[in-house]
């Protein structure tokens, strides 16, 4: 069995499959630290992903895993951190929100203690866990899913599915972040609307503070824009003034693989082999990774 794609969705799916006793290889175009997953802010929350009823179930299943992993933050990269979603109310969310322990309305919006994932650490942990289960990762470029030499192929290529499937329904929503020295902020903050191409958020990681952000639909550029970066810092500093003087450590750009609905389905190839698609997770690949991985693993099994 070969999983194509080495981001958080691909590696998590590979872990689930390998730990179920399957012989699994991951073929990845690039190392995990160079994927969109590696530059993600890392806050668990369904964002830019559909359909909501399915997303809620996948997200809650993943939340339970992250809450367990938070007991080993240095190893897993997962911590539970307090924060506020400003301007968001419970009645704007789906039924899944009622099952998030501690999610509560406050005058500013919604307050919660949620998983914050240090993505470089977590991706390395996933890769090590996969290796312990007997899996291997190879850097391989795939141009034709049907040509991948395995009885079962799992497509976790994210935005790569746009040209690889090909699937024009999956498209980029560009996110730009600024990485700064943390001036002592210990809680996360977001203020974002799906209809806007800018947002304001900051997420504390162990050795840095991530500032965001943008949601530029259809933009493919991976080059950081200096004017956008300055605007991000200014928006965040308007919420927490101490951010204005924080030393900039770097800039990040990631392209969220957005689709009208996540594609998680089984396809039979003409030669009888099985192709399972697991892509199109938008801005919530981390949030739904374990739920989607377990469903994808189920689709690899022979039909009853």
Protein backbone atom coordinates (compact mmCIF):
# COMPACT_ATOMS: atom_id res chain seq x y z
CA UNK A 1 0.00 0.00 0.00
CA UNK A 2 1.31 3.46 -0.90
CA UNK A 3 0.14 6.77 0.55
CA UNK A 4 0.93 9.65 -1.81
CA UNK A 5 1.54 12.88 0.11
CA UNK A 6 3.67 13.60 3.16
CA UNK A 7 1.86 16.44 4.92
CA UNK A 8 -0.10 16.05 8.13
CA UNK A 9 -3.02 14.27 6.41
CA UNK A 10 -0.75 11.87 4.53
CA UNK A 11 1.44 11.02 7.52
CA UNK A 12 -1.50 10.63 9.89
CA UNK A 13 -3.26 8.35 7.41
CA UNK A 14 -0.08 6.34 6.98
CA UNK A 15 0.28 5.95 10.76
CA UNK A 16 -3.29 4.68 11.11
CA UNK A 17 -2.81 2.18 8.27
CA UNK A 18 0.59 0.95 9.47
CA UNK A 19 -0.59 0.52 13.04
CA UNK A 20 -3.49 -1.59 11.77
CA UNK A 21 -0.95 -4.07 10.42
CA UNK A 22 -0.68 -2.91 6.81
CA UNK A 23 2.63 -2.68 4.94
CA UNK A 24 2.71 1.00 4.04
CA UNK A 25 5.03 3.31 2.17
CA UNK A 26 4.65 7.08 1.85
CA UNK A 27 5.66 8.72 -1.40
CA UNK A 28 6.13 12.43 -0.87
CA UNK A 29 7.16 15.08 -3.36
CA UNK A 30 9.05 16.90 -0.61
CA UNK A 31 10.05 16.41 3.00
CA UNK A 32 7.34 17.10 5.57
CA UNK A 33 9.11 20.23 6.80
CA UNK A 34 8.60 21.80 3.35
CA UNK A 35 4.86 21.11 3.07
CA UNK A 36 1.94 23.46 3.69
CA UNK A 37 1.37 21.60 6.97
CA UNK A 38 4.75 22.75 8.29
CA UNK A 39 3.86 26.44 8.01
CA UNK A 40 0.38 26.15 9.49
CA UNK A 41 -0.48 28.09 12.63
CA UNK A 42 -1.40 24.84 14.33
CA UNK A 43 -4.59 25.79 16.20
CA UNK A 44 -7.30 23.10 16.24
CA UNK A 45 -10.44 24.67 14.74
CA UNK A 46 -12.57 23.93 11.65
CA UNK A 47 -11.72 26.70 9.18
CA UNK A 48 -12.37 26.91 5.45
CA UNK A 49 -13.57 23.32 5.22
CA UNK A 50 -16.85 21.68 4.17
CA UNK A 51 -19.23 19.88 4.57
CA UNK A 52 -19.91 20.98 8.14
CA UNK A 53 -21.78 17.86 9.43
CA UNK A 54 -18.95 15.52 8.38
CA UNK A 55 -16.24 17.99 9.37
CA UNK A 56 -17.64 18.20 12.89
CA UNK A 57 -17.35 14.44 13.41
CA UNK A 58 -13.83 14.28 11.96
CA UNK A 59 -12.73 17.27 14.03
CA UNK A 60 -14.09 15.87 17.29
CA UNK A 61 -12.39 12.53 16.68
CA UNK A 62 -9.11 14.35 16.07
CA UNK A 63 -9.64 16.57 19.12
CA UNK A 64 -9.78 13.50 21.36
CA UNK A 65 -6.42 12.33 20.00
CA UNK A 66 -4.78 15.72 20.46
CA UNK A 67 -6.07 16.00 24.02
CA UNK A 68 -4.28 12.73 24.80
CA UNK A 69 -1.11 13.82 23.00
CA UNK A 70 -1.05 17.06 25.00
CA UNK A 71 0.14 15.00 27.97
CA UNK A 72 3.46 14.67 26.09
CA UNK A 73 3.97 18.13 24.57
CA UNK A 74 7.72 17.98 24.06
CA UNK A 75 7.42 14.68 22.21
CA UNK A 76 4.21 15.27 20.23
CA UNK A 77 4.30 19.05 19.82
CA UNK A 78 0.71 19.30 21.13
CA UNK A 79 -0.30 21.61 24.00
CA UNK A 80 -3.66 22.78 25.32
CA UNK A 81 -3.80 26.59 25.32
CA UNK A 82 -6.47 29.11 26.32
CA UNK A 83 -7.65 31.68 23.81
CA UNK A 84 -10.51 33.64 22.29
CA UNK A 85 -12.24 33.55 18.91
CA UNK A 86 -13.38 37.18 18.82
CA UNK A 87 -16.74 37.88 17.22
CA UNK A 88 -17.81 34.23 17.02
CA UNK A 89 -20.96 32.95 18.76
CA UNK A 90 -22.07 29.41 19.50
CA UNK A 91 -25.23 29.72 17.40
CA UNK A 92 -23.03 30.34 14.33
CA UNK A 93 -21.43 26.91 14.66
CA UNK A 94 -22.61 23.40 13.98
CA UNK A 95 -23.73 20.78 16.46
CA UNK A 96 -20.11 19.69 16.94
CA UNK A 97 -19.43 22.81 19.04
CA UNK A 98 -21.71 21.55 21.83
CA UNK A 99 -19.30 18.65 22.32
CA UNK A 100 -16.14 20.74 22.76
CA UNK A 101 -15.56 20.75 26.50
CA UNK A 102 -15.14 24.21 27.97
CA UNK A 103 -16.14 26.13 24.83
CA UNK A 104 -18.06 29.08 26.23
CA UNK A 105 -19.39 32.45 25.20
CA UNK A 106 -17.76 35.56 26.66
CA UNK A 107 -18.45 39.20 25.77
CA UNK A 108 -15.70 39.18 23.12
CA UNK A 109 -16.78 35.94 21.47
CA UNK A 110 -15.89 32.34 22.27
CA UNK A 111 -13.30 31.27 24.82
CA UNK A 112 -11.77 27.81 24.91
CA UNK A 113 -8.77 25.72 25.83
CA UNK A 114 -7.83 24.06 22.56
CA UNK A 115 -4.93 22.10 21.09
CA UNK A 116 -2.13 24.18 19.63
CA UNK A 117 0.24 22.05 17.59
CA UNK A 118 3.89 22.93 16.98
CA UNK A 119 3.84 21.62 13.43
CA UNK A 120 7.56 20.96 12.77
CA UNK A 121 7.73 18.94 16.01
CA UNK A 122 4.45 17.15 15.32
CA UNK A 123 5.36 16.21 11.76
CA UNK A 124 8.67 14.76 12.95
CA UNK A 125 6.80 12.85 15.66
CA UNK A 126 4.33 11.45 13.11
CA UNK A 127 7.16 10.34 10.86
CA UNK A 128 8.93 8.61 13.77
CA UNK A 129 5.70 6.92 14.88
CA UNK A 130 5.17 5.73 11.31
CA UNK A 131 8.71 4.32 11.19
CA UNK A 132 8.16 2.46 14.49
CA UNK A 133 5.09 0.84 12.90
CA UNK A 134 7.27 -0.42 10.05
CA UNK A 135 6.51 2.28 7.50
CA UNK A 136 8.96 3.98 5.17
CA UNK A 137 8.96 7.44 3.56
CA UNK A 138 10.44 8.09 0.13
CA UNK A 139 10.78 11.39 -1.69
CA UNK A 140 9.14 10.54 -5.03
CA UNK A 141 7.44 12.71 -7.60
CA UNK A 142 4.13 11.25 -8.82
CA UNK A 143 2.65 12.36 -12.13
CA UNK A 144 0.00 9.64 -12.51
CA UNK A 145 -1.85 8.08 -9.57
CA UNK A 146 -2.83 5.09 -11.69
CA UNK A 147 0.86 4.34 -12.30
CA UNK A 148 1.74 4.05 -8.61
CA UNK A 149 2.72 0.36 -8.17
CA UNK A 150 0.49 -0.76 -5.31
CA UNK A 151 -2.73 -2.68 -4.90
CA UNK A 152 -4.10 0.17 -2.82
CA UNK A 153 -3.09 3.81 -3.36
CA UNK A 154 -4.20 6.56 -0.95
CA UNK A 155 -4.18 10.05 -2.43
CA UNK A 156 -3.35 12.63 0.25
CA UNK A 157 -1.78 15.17 -2.08
CA UNK A 158 -3.69 18.26 -0.90
CA UNK A 159 -3.37 21.06 -3.41
CA UNK A 160 -1.35 18.75 -5.65
CA UNK A 161 -4.62 17.00 -6.51
CA UNK A 162 -5.51 20.06 -8.61
CA UNK A 163 -3.19 18.84 -11.37
CA UNK A 164 -2.57 15.24 -10.35
CA UNK A 165 -6.14 13.89 -10.34
CA UNK A 166 -6.78 16.38 -12.05
CA UNK A 167 -9.39 18.12 -9.90
CA UNK A 168 -10.02 21.80 -10.71
CA UNK A 169 -12.39 22.02 -7.72
CA UNK A 170 -9.43 22.08 -5.33
CA UNK A 171 -7.76 25.47 -5.34
CA UNK A 172 -5.41 27.53 -3.15
CA UNK A 173 -6.39 29.98 -0.45
CA UNK A 174 -3.11 31.68 0.32
CA UNK A 175 -2.09 32.25 3.93
CA UNK A 176 0.78 34.50 4.97
CA UNK A 177 2.24 34.57 8.50
CA UNK A 178 4.91 36.52 10.33
CA UNK A 179 7.06 34.75 12.92
CA UNK A 180 8.26 36.96 15.79
CA UNK A 181 9.92 36.59 19.14
CA UNK A 182 7.23 36.06 21.73
CA UNK A 183 6.99 39.15 23.99
CA UNK A 184 5.28 37.09 26.70
CA UNK A 185 1.92 36.20 25.15
CA UNK A 186 0.57 32.89 26.43
CA UNK A 187 -2.91 32.74 24.88
CA UNK A 188 -4.05 32.52 21.29
CA UNK A 189 -6.42 34.97 19.60
CA UNK A 190 -8.34 34.92 16.33
CA UNK A 191 -10.67 37.29 14.56
CA UNK A 192 -11.58 35.99 11.13
CA UNK A 193 -14.54 35.95 8.76
CA UNK A 194 -14.77 33.53 5.85
CA UNK A 195 -15.85 36.38 3.59
CA UNK A 196 -12.66 38.42 4.22
CA UNK A 197 -9.26 37.90 2.63
CA UNK A 198 -7.51 39.16 5.75
CA UNK A 199 -7.74 38.06 9.36
CA UNK A 200 -6.07 38.77 12.66
CA UNK A 201 -4.64 36.03 14.79
CA UNK A 202 -1.67 35.19 16.95
CA UNK A 203 -0.70 31.77 18.22
CA UNK A 204 2.02 31.19 20.81
CA UNK A 205 4.44 28.37 20.12
CA UNK A 206 7.20 27.29 22.53
CA UNK A 207 9.93 29.51 21.09
CA UNK A 208 8.03 32.00 18.92
CA UNK A 209 4.74 33.76 18.20
CA UNK A 210 2.94 33.23 14.89
CA UNK A 211 1.05 36.22 13.50
CA UNK A 212 -1.55 36.09 10.76
CA UNK A 213 -3.00 36.27 8.41
CA UNK A 214 -4.50 36.20 4.94
CA UNK A 215 -7.02 34.10 3.02
CA UNK A 216 -6.41 35.03 -0.61
CA UNK A 217 -8.61 32.87 -2.81
CA UNK A 218 -6.92 31.57 -5.95
CA UNK A 219 -3.50 33.07 -5.17
CA UNK A 220 -0.59 30.70 -5.89
CA UNK A 221 2.41 32.80 -4.88
CA UNK A 222 4.65 31.39 -2.15
CA UNK A 223 6.67 34.60 -1.89
CA UNK A 224 6.01 36.67 1.27
CA UNK A 225 4.74 40.16 0.51
CA UNK A 226 6.39 42.85 2.70
CA UNK A 227 3.33 45.12 2.71
CA UNK A 228 1.10 42.23 3.73
CA UNK A 229 3.53 41.31 6.49
CA UNK A 230 3.54 44.87 7.84
CA UNK A 231 -0.27 44.93 7.82
CA UNK A 232 -0.41 41.62 9.71
CA UNK A 233 1.90 42.95 12.44
CA UNK A 234 -0.14 46.16 12.68
CA UNK A 235 -3.45 44.28 13.05
CA UNK A 236 -2.04 42.01 15.75
CA UNK A 237 -0.41 44.93 17.57
CA UNK A 238 -3.77 46.70 17.67
CA UNK A 239 -4.97 43.81 19.86
CA UNK A 240 -1.75 43.33 21.86
CA UNK A 241 0.49 46.43 21.65
CA UNK A 242 3.60 44.57 22.80
CA UNK A 243 3.65 42.74 19.46
CA UNK A 244 4.64 45.98 17.69
CA UNK A 245 8.16 45.82 19.11
CA UNK A 246 8.72 42.08 18.72
CA UNK A 247 11.73 41.10 16.62
CA UNK A 248 10.75 39.44 13.33
CA UNK A 249 12.25 35.97 12.98
CA UNK A 250 10.85 35.05 9.59
CA UNK A 251 7.96 34.92 7.15
CA UNK A 252 5.85 31.99 6.02
CA UNK A 253 3.41 31.37 3.20
CA UNK A 254 1.17 28.35 2.81
CA UNK A 255 -1.50 27.45 0.26
CA UNK A 256 -4.57 25.90 1.86
CA UNK A 257 -6.10 23.18 -0.36
CA UNK A 258 -9.71 24.37 -0.37
CA UNK A 259 -12.52 22.44 -2.07
CA UNK A 260 -16.33 22.80 -1.98
CA UNK A 261 -16.25 19.54 0.01
CA UNK A 262 -13.47 17.29 1.27
CA UNK A 263 -12.98 14.39 -1.11
CA UNK A 264 -12.85 11.25 0.99
CA UNK A 265 -13.95 8.34 -1.14
CA UNK A 266 -12.96 5.02 -2.69
CA UNK A 267 -12.41 4.69 -6.43
CA UNK A 268 -11.85 1.48 -8.36
CA UNK A 269 -9.23 1.74 -11.09
CA UNK A 270 -9.81 0.02 -14.45
CA UNK A 271 -7.36 -2.76 -13.55
CA UNK A 272 -9.24 -3.54 -10.31
CA UNK A 273 -6.87 -1.79 -7.94
CA UNK A 274 -8.17 0.62 -5.30
CA UNK A 275 -7.56 4.37 -5.14
CA UNK A 276 -8.72 6.15 -1.98
CA UNK A 277 -8.90 9.95 -2.08
CA UNK A 278 -8.36 11.98 1.10
CA UNK A 279 -7.79 15.62 0.17
CA UNK A 280 -9.37 19.07 0.04
CA UNK A 281 -9.18 19.87 3.77
CA UNK A 282 -8.85 23.63 3.33
CA UNK A 283 -7.58 25.41 6.41
CA UNK A 284 -8.33 22.48 8.71
CA UNK A 285 -6.09 19.59 7.71
CA UNK A 286 -4.64 19.44 11.20
CA UNK A 287 -8.09 19.77 12.76
CA UNK A 288 -9.58 16.75 10.97
CA UNK A 289 -6.44 14.67 10.29
CA UNK A 290 -7.18 11.73 12.61
CA UNK A 291 -10.88 11.50 11.85
CA UNK A 292 -10.25 11.55 8.11
CA UNK A 293 -7.32 9.13 8.41
CA UNK A 294 -9.45 6.54 10.17
CA UNK A 295 -12.23 6.86 7.60
CA UNK A 296 -9.73 6.62 4.74
CA UNK A 297 -8.21 3.51 6.32
CA UNK A 298 -11.65 1.94 6.39
CA UNK A 299 -12.06 2.63 2.68
CA UNK A 300 -8.88 0.69 1.87
CA UNK A 301 -10.38 -2.56 3.14
CA UNK A 302 -12.08 -4.98 0.72
CA UNK A 303 -15.76 -4.22 0.20
CA UNK A 304 -18.07 -6.47 2.18
